[in-house]
PDB file of all heavy atoms in Angstrom:
ATOM      1  N   GLY A   1     -11.192  15.245  -0.354  1.00  0.00           N
ATOM      2  CA  GLY A   1     -10.818  14.551   0.865  1.00  0.00           C
ATOM      3  C   GLY A   1      -9.389  14.078   0.800  1.00  0.00           C
ATOM      4  O   GLY A   1      -8.586  14.563   0.004  1.00  0.00           O
ATOM      5  N   THR A   2      -9.051  13.108   1.631  1.00  0.00           N
ATOM      6  CA  THR A   2      -7.728  12.506   1.635  1.00  0.00           C
ATOM      7  C   THR A   2      -7.900  11.010   1.422  1.00  0.00           C
ATOM      8  O   THR A   2      -9.021  10.489   1.502  1.00  0.00           O
ATOM      9  CB  THR A   2      -7.012  12.740   2.972  1.00  0.00           C
ATOM     10  OG1 THR A   2      -7.623  11.891   3.963  1.00  0.00           O
ATOM     11  CG2 THR A   2      -7.122  14.189   3.415  1.00  0.00           C
ATOM     12  N   PRO A   3      -6.805  10.277   1.191  1.00  0.00           N
ATOM     13  CA  PRO A   3      -6.931   8.819   1.030  1.00  0.00           C
ATOM     14  C   PRO A   3      -7.465   8.099   2.270  1.00  0.00           C
ATOM     15  O   PRO A   3      -7.851   6.937   2.182  1.00  0.00           O
ATOM     16  CB  PRO A   3      -5.497   8.384   0.707  1.00  0.00           C
ATOM     17  CG  PRO A   3      -4.886   9.587   0.064  1.00  0.00           C
ATOM     18  CD  PRO A   3      -5.459  10.749   0.807  1.00  0.00           C
ATOM     19  N   ASP A   4      -7.480   8.767   3.424  1.00  0.00           N
ATOM     20  CA  ASP A   4      -8.065   8.179   4.629  1.00  0.00           C
ATOM     21  C   ASP A   4      -9.579   8.323   4.541  1.00  0.00           C
ATOM     22  O   ASP A   4     -10.141   9.374   4.864  1.00  0.00           O
ATOM     23  CB  ASP A   4      -7.523   8.877   5.877  1.00  0.00           C
ATOM     24  CG  ASP A   4      -8.003   8.232   7.175  1.00  0.00           C
ATOM     25  OD1 ASP A   4      -9.056   7.554   7.161  1.00  0.00           O
ATOM     26  OD2 ASP A   4      -7.333   8.413   8.209  1.00  0.00           O
ATOM     27  N   ALA A   5     -10.249   7.264   4.094  1.00  0.00           N
ATOM     28  CA  ALA A   5     -11.677   7.350   3.804  1.00  0.00           C
ATOM     29  C   ALA A   5     -12.508   7.692   5.038  1.00  0.00           C
ATOM     30  O   ALA A   5     -13.432   8.507   4.971  1.00  0.00           O
ATOM     31  CB  ALA A   5     -12.161   6.030   3.195  1.00  0.00           C
ATOM     32  N   MET A   6     -12.192   7.060   6.176  1.00  0.00           N
ATOM     33  CA  MET A   6     -12.998   7.308   7.367  1.00  0.00           C
ATOM     34  C   MET A   6     -12.844   8.745   7.846  1.00  0.00           C
ATOM     35  O   MET A   6     -13.812   9.373   8.276  1.00  0.00           O
ATOM     36  CB  MET A   6     -12.615   6.328   8.471  1.00  0.00           C
ATOM     37  CG  MET A   6     -12.983   4.880   8.149  1.00  0.00           C
ATOM     38  SD  MET A   6     -14.722   4.665   7.659  1.00  0.00           S
ATOM     39  CE  MET A   6     -15.550   5.173   9.159  1.00  0.00           C
ATOM     40  N   ALA A   7     -11.626   9.286   7.763  1.00  0.00           N
ATOM     41  CA  ALA A   7     -11.427  10.688   8.148  1.00  0.00           C
ATOM     42  C   ALA A   7     -12.148  11.617   7.175  1.00  0.00           C
ATOM     43  O   ALA A   7     -12.721  12.637   7.573  1.00  0.00           O
ATOM     44  CB  ALA A   7      -9.936  11.005   8.188  1.00  0.00           C
ATOM     45  N   SER A   8     -12.150  11.262   5.894  1.00  0.00           N
ATOM     46  CA  SER A   8     -12.802  12.100   4.884  1.00  0.00           C
ATOM     47  C   SER A   8     -14.323  12.038   4.973  1.00  0.00           C
ATOM     48  O   SER A   8     -15.003  12.960   4.513  1.00  0.00           O
ATOM     49  CB  SER A   8     -12.363  11.664   3.483  1.00  0.00           C
ATOM     50  OG  SER A   8     -10.997  11.932   3.284  1.00  0.00           O
ATOM     51  N   ALA A   9     -14.858  10.951   5.533  1.00  0.00           N
ATOM     52  CA  ALA A   9     -16.313  10.805   5.615  1.00  0.00           C
ATOM     53  C   ALA A   9     -16.945  11.979   6.353  1.00  0.00           C
ATOM     54  O   ALA A   9     -18.017  12.464   5.978  1.00  0.00           O
ATOM     55  CB  ALA A   9     -16.670   9.486   6.298  1.00  0.00           C
ATOM     56  N   GLU A  10     -16.285  12.457   7.412  1.00  0.00           N
ATOM     57  CA  GLU A  10     -16.803  13.604   8.164  1.00  0.00           C
ATOM     58  C   GLU A  10     -16.904  14.834   7.264  1.00  0.00           C
ATOM     59  O   GLU A  10     -17.890  15.573   7.287  1.00  0.00           O
ATOM     60  CB  GLU A  10     -15.885  13.906   9.357  1.00  0.00           C
ATOM     61  CG  GLU A  10     -15.735  12.775  10.351  1.00  0.00           C
ATOM     62  CD  GLU A  10     -16.903  12.693  11.323  1.00  0.00           C
ATOM     63  OE1 GLU A  10     -17.841  13.507  11.201  1.00  0.00           O
ATOM     64  OE2 GLU A  10     -16.866  11.802  12.189  1.00  0.00           O
ATOM     65  N   LEU A  11     -15.845  15.054   6.464  1.00  0.00           N
ATOM     66  CA  LEU A  11     -15.820  16.192   5.546  1.00  0.00           C
ATOM     67  C   LEU A  11     -16.944  16.074   4.517  1.00  0.00           C
ATOM     68  O   LEU A  11     -17.661  17.049   4.243  1.00  0.00           O
ATOM     69  CB  LEU A  11     -14.469  16.254   4.839  1.00  0.00           C
ATOM     70  CG  LEU A  11     -14.346  17.248   3.677  1.00  0.00           C
ATOM     71  CD1 LEU A  11     -14.386  18.680   4.188  1.00  0.00           C
ATOM     72  CD2 LEU A  11     -13.058  17.004   2.893  1.00  0.00           C
ATOM     73  N   LEU A  12     -17.104  14.877   3.934  1.00  0.00           N
ATOM     74  CA  LEU A  12     -18.127  14.681   2.907  1.00  0.00           C
ATOM     75  C   LEU A  12     -19.516  14.970   3.458  1.00  0.00           C
ATOM     76  O   LEU A  12     -20.344  15.598   2.789  1.00  0.00           O
ATOM     77  CB  LEU A  12     -18.058  13.253   2.367  1.00  0.00           C
ATOM     78  CG  LEU A  12     -17.148  13.009   1.161  1.00  0.00           C
ATOM     79  CD1 LEU A  12     -15.720  13.475   1.411  1.00  0.00           C
ATOM     80  CD2 LEU A  12     -17.142  11.526   0.796  1.00  0.00           C
ATOM     81  N   GLY A  13     -19.773  14.491   4.679  1.00  0.00           N
ATOM     82  CA  GLY A  13     -21.079  14.737   5.282  1.00  0.00           C
ATOM     83  C   GLY A  13     -21.291  16.204   5.596  1.00  0.00           C
ATOM     84  O   GLY A  13     -22.366  16.764   5.322  1.00  0.00           O
ATOM     85  N   ARG A  14     -20.262  16.852   6.153  1.00  0.00           N
ATOM     86  CA  ARG A  14     -20.387  18.258   6.544  1.00  0.00           C
ATOM     87  C   ARG A  14     -20.604  19.158   5.334  1.00  0.00           C
ATOM     88  O   ARG A  14     -21.387  20.116   5.384  1.00  0.00           O
ATOM     89  CB  ARG A  14     -19.134  18.688   7.312  1.00  0.00           C
ATOM     90  CG  ARG A  14     -19.200  20.105   7.844  1.00  0.00           C
ATOM     91  CD  ARG A  14     -18.019  20.433   8.734  1.00  0.00           C
ATOM     92  NE  ARG A  14     -16.764  20.514   7.986  1.00  0.00           N
ATOM     93  CZ  ARG A  14     -15.770  19.658   8.098  1.00  0.00           C
ATOM     94  NH1 ARG A  14     -15.879  18.612   8.900  1.00  0.00           N
ATOM     95  NH2 ARG A  14     -14.652  19.824   7.399  1.00  0.00           N
ATOM     96  N   GLU A  15     -19.921  18.836   4.214  1.00  0.00           N
ATOM     97  CA  GLU A  15     -20.029  19.674   3.013  1.00  0.00           C
ATOM     98  C   GLU A  15     -21.103  19.189   2.047  1.00  0.00           C
ATOM     99  O   GLU A  15     -21.193  19.661   0.910  1.00  0.00           O
ATOM    100  CB  GLU A  15     -18.674  19.730   2.305  1.00  0.00           C
ATOM    101  CG  GLU A  15     -17.563  20.350   3.138  1.00  0.00           C
ATOM    102  CD  GLU A  15     -17.889  21.770   3.572  1.00  0.00           C
ATOM    103  OE1 GLU A  15     -18.605  22.490   2.819  1.00  0.00           O
ATOM    104  OE2 GLU A  15     -17.451  22.171   4.670  1.00  0.00           O
ATOM    105  N   ARG A  16     -21.890  18.203   2.470  1.00  0.00           N
ATOM    106  CA  ARG A  16     -23.062  17.718   1.732  1.00  0.00           C
ATOM    107  C   ARG A  16     -22.698  17.182   0.342  1.00  0.00           C
ATOM    108  O   ARG A  16     -23.407  17.426  -0.637  1.00  0.00           O
ATOM    109  CB  ARG A  16     -24.145  18.801   1.625  1.00  0.00           C
ATOM    110  CG  ARG A  16     -24.528  19.419   2.946  1.00  0.00           C
ATOM    111  CD  ARG A  16     -25.693  20.393   2.840  1.00  0.00           C
ATOM    112  NE  ARG A  16     -25.554  21.358   1.787  1.00  0.00           N
ATOM    113  CZ  ARG A  16     -24.775  22.442   1.838  1.00  0.00           C
ATOM    114  NH1 ARG A  16     -24.049  22.677   2.927  1.00  0.00           N
ATOM    115  NH2 ARG A  16     -24.712  23.280   0.836  1.00  0.00           N
ATOM    116  N   ALA A  17     -21.580  16.468   0.243  1.00  0.00           N
ATOM    117  CA  ALA A  17     -21.195  15.849  -1.034  1.00  0.00           C
ATOM    118  C   ALA A  17     -22.261  14.839  -1.442  1.00  0.00           C
ATOM    119  O   ALA A  17     -22.747  14.063  -0.614  1.00  0.00           O
ATOM    120  CB  ALA A  17     -19.851  15.160  -0.901  1.00  0.00           C
ATOM    121  N   ASP A  18     -22.649  14.861  -2.718  1.00  0.00           N
ATOM    122  CA  ASP A  18     -23.712  13.942  -3.155  1.00  0.00           C
ATOM    123  C   ASP A  18     -23.232  12.867  -4.135  1.00  0.00           C
ATOM    124  O   ASP A  18     -23.906  11.862  -4.340  1.00  0.00           O
ATOM    125  CB  ASP A  18     -24.900  14.702  -3.752  1.00  0.00           C
ATOM    126  CG  ASP A  18     -24.507  15.657  -4.870  1.00  0.00           C
ATOM    127  OD1 ASP A  18     -23.361  15.585  -5.350  1.00  0.00           O
ATOM    128  OD2 ASP A  18     -25.347  16.479  -5.267  1.00  0.00           O
ATOM    129  N   VAL A  19     -22.050  13.055  -4.755  1.00  0.00           N
ATOM    130  CA  VAL A  19     -21.532  12.060  -5.693  1.00  0.00           C
ATOM    131  C   VAL A  19     -20.036  11.899  -5.452  1.00  0.00           C
ATOM    132  O   VAL A  19     -19.339  12.882  -5.180  1.00  0.00           O
ATOM    133  CB  VAL A  19     -21.818  12.473  -7.157  1.00  0.00           C
ATOM    134  CG1 VAL A  19     -21.227  13.833  -7.483  1.00  0.00           C
ATOM    135  CG2 VAL A  19     -21.302  11.415  -8.136  1.00  0.00           C
ATOM    136  N   ALA A  20     -19.553  10.649  -5.507  1.00  0.00           N
ATOM    137  CA  ALA A  20     -18.126  10.412  -5.247  1.00  0.00           C
ATOM    138  C   ALA A  20     -17.607   9.315  -6.158  1.00  0.00           C
ATOM    139  O   ALA A  20     -18.302   8.337  -6.434  1.00  0.00           O
ATOM    140  CB  ALA A  20     -17.892  10.021  -3.786  1.00  0.00           C
ATOM    141  N   LEU A  21     -16.363   9.496  -6.628  1.00  0.00           N
ATOM    142  CA  LEU A  21     -15.646   8.439  -7.343  1.00  0.00           C
ATOM    143  C   LEU A  21     -14.854   7.651  -6.309  1.00  0.00           C
ATOM    144  O   LEU A  21     -14.054   8.221  -5.557  1.00  0.00           O
ATOM    145  CB  LEU A  21     -14.711   9.038  -8.390  1.00  0.00           C
ATOM    146  CG  LEU A  21     -13.763   8.059  -9.100  1.00  0.00           C
ATOM    147  CD1 LEU A  21     -14.549   7.032  -9.897  1.00  0.00           C
ATOM    148  CD2 LEU A  21     -12.791   8.808 -10.009  1.00  0.00           C
ATOM    149  N   ILE A  22     -15.074   6.344  -6.253  1.00  0.00           N
ATOM    150  CA  ILE A  22     -14.453   5.489  -5.240  1.00  0.00           C
ATOM    151  C   ILE A  22     -13.578   4.451  -5.938  1.00  0.00           C
ATOM    152  O   ILE A  22     -14.065   3.637  -6.725  1.00  0.00           O
ATOM    153  CB  ILE A  22     -15.520   4.780  -4.383  1.00  0.00           C
ATOM    154  CG1 ILE A  22     -16.435   5.810  -3.709  1.00  0.00           C
ATOM    155  CG2 ILE A  22     -14.854   3.878  -3.358  1.00  0.00           C
ATOM    156  CD1 ILE A  22     -15.782   6.654  -2.648  1.00  0.00           C
ATOM    157  N   GLY A  23     -12.280   4.473  -5.646  1.00  0.00           N
ATOM    158  CA  GLY A  23     -11.364   3.475  -6.177  1.00  0.00           C
ATOM    159  C   GLY A  23     -11.384   2.212  -5.346  1.00  0.00           C
ATOM    160  O   GLY A  23     -11.933   2.183  -4.228  1.00  0.00           O
ATOM    161  N   HIS A  24     -10.768   1.157  -5.892  1.00  0.00           N
ATOM    162  CA  HIS A  24     -10.796  -0.143  -5.218  1.00  0.00           C
ATOM    163  C   HIS A  24     -10.250  -0.070  -3.796  1.00  0.00           C
ATOM    164  O   HIS A  24     -10.733  -0.776  -2.899  1.00  0.00           O
ATOM    165  CB  HIS A  24      -9.980  -1.157  -6.028  1.00  0.00           C
ATOM    166  CG  HIS A  24      -9.912  -2.498  -5.374  1.00  0.00           C
ATOM    167  ND1 HIS A  24      -8.841  -2.893  -4.607  1.00  0.00           N
ATOM    168  CD2 HIS A  24     -10.791  -3.524  -5.345  1.00  0.00           C
ATOM    169  CE1 HIS A  24      -9.048  -4.112  -4.145  1.00  0.00           C
ATOM    170  NE2 HIS A  24     -10.218  -4.523  -4.580  1.00  0.00           N
ATOM    171  N   GLY A  25      -9.267   0.787  -3.552  1.00  0.00           N
ATOM    172  CA  GLY A  25      -8.680   0.900  -2.223  1.00  0.00           C
ATOM    173  C   GLY A  25      -9.652   1.349  -1.153  1.00  0.00           C
ATOM    174  O   GLY A  25      -9.372   1.212   0.043  1.00  0.00           O
ATOM    175  N   HIS A  26     -10.809   1.902  -1.562  1.00  0.00           N
ATOM    176  CA  HIS A  26     -11.807   2.374  -0.599  1.00  0.00           C
ATOM    177  C   HIS A  26     -13.055   1.492  -0.554  1.00  0.00           C
ATOM    178  O   HIS A  26     -14.024   1.841   0.121  1.00  0.00           O
ATOM    179  CB  HIS A  26     -12.212   3.814  -0.928  1.00  0.00           C
ATOM    180  CG  HIS A  26     -11.129   4.814  -0.662  1.00  0.00           C
ATOM    181  ND1 HIS A  26     -10.764   5.777  -1.579  1.00  0.00           N
ATOM    182  CD2 HIS A  26     -10.311   4.995   0.405  1.00  0.00           C
ATOM    183  CE1 HIS A  26      -9.782   6.508  -1.087  1.00  0.00           C
ATOM    184  NE2 HIS A  26      -9.490   6.050   0.107  1.00  0.00           N
ATOM    185  N   PHE A  27     -13.039   0.368  -1.268  1.00  0.00           N
ATOM    186  CA  PHE A  27     -14.212  -0.511  -1.244  1.00  0.00           C
ATOM    187  C   PHE A  27     -14.502  -0.997   0.175  1.00  0.00           C
ATOM    188  O   PHE A  27     -15.663  -1.128   0.570  1.00  0.00           O
ATOM    189  CB  PHE A  27     -14.006  -1.709  -2.175  1.00  0.00           C
ATOM    190  CG  PHE A  27     -14.240  -1.410  -3.638  1.00  0.00           C
ATOM    191  CD1 PHE A  27     -14.357  -0.113  -4.095  1.00  0.00           C
ATOM    192  CD2 PHE A  27     -14.335  -2.439  -4.564  1.00  0.00           C
ATOM    193  CE1 PHE A  27     -14.561   0.174  -5.438  1.00  0.00           C
ATOM    194  CE2 PHE A  27     -14.555  -2.177  -5.912  1.00  0.00           C
ATOM    195  CZ  PHE A  27     -14.654  -0.870  -6.350  1.00  0.00           C
ATOM    196  N   GLN A  28     -13.449  -1.277   0.949  1.00  0.00           N
ATOM    197  CA  GLN A  28     -13.658  -1.742   2.320  1.00  0.00           C
ATOM    198  C   GLN A  28     -14.344  -0.678   3.171  1.00  0.00           C
ATOM    199  O   GLN A  28     -15.172  -0.999   4.026  1.00  0.00           O
ATOM    200  CB  GLN A  28     -12.328  -2.141   2.959  1.00  0.00           C
ATOM    201  CG  GLN A  28     -11.828  -3.518   2.520  1.00  0.00           C
ATOM    202  CD  GLN A  28     -10.616  -3.971   3.316  1.00  0.00           C
ATOM    203  OE1 GLN A  28      -9.734  -3.168   3.610  1.00  0.00           O
ATOM    204  NE2 GLN A  28     -10.581  -5.248   3.669  1.00  0.00           N
ATOM    205  N   ALA A  29     -14.005   0.585   2.922  1.00  0.00           N
ATOM    206  CA  ALA A  29     -14.657   1.663   3.679  1.00  0.00           C
ATOM    207  C   ALA A  29     -16.148   1.710   3.382  1.00  0.00           C
ATOM    208  O   ALA A  29     -16.966   1.948   4.284  1.00  0.00           O
ATOM    209  CB  ALA A  29     -14.007   3.003   3.340  1.00  0.00           C
ATOM    210  N   LEU A  30     -16.531   1.463   2.125  1.00  0.00           N
ATOM    211  CA  LEU A  30     -17.953   1.465   1.769  1.00  0.00           C
ATOM    212  C   LEU A  30     -18.707   0.362   2.500  1.00  0.00           C
ATOM    213  O   LEU A  30     -19.904   0.504   2.782  1.00  0.00           O
ATOM    214  CB  LEU A  30     -18.129   1.280   0.255  1.00  0.00           C
ATOM    215  CG  LEU A  30     -17.661   2.411  -0.661  1.00  0.00           C
ATOM    216  CD1 LEU A  30     -17.970   2.052  -2.115  1.00  0.00           C
ATOM    217  CD2 LEU A  30     -18.335   3.721  -0.290  1.00  0.00           C
TER     218      LEU A  30
END
């Protein structure tokens, strides 16, 4: 994905990603 978590969420769902490493900068997105 890209550092834009919300934009990447669509990609993750479409490609059926099941595991992700999330850095502190994306905690708010979670």
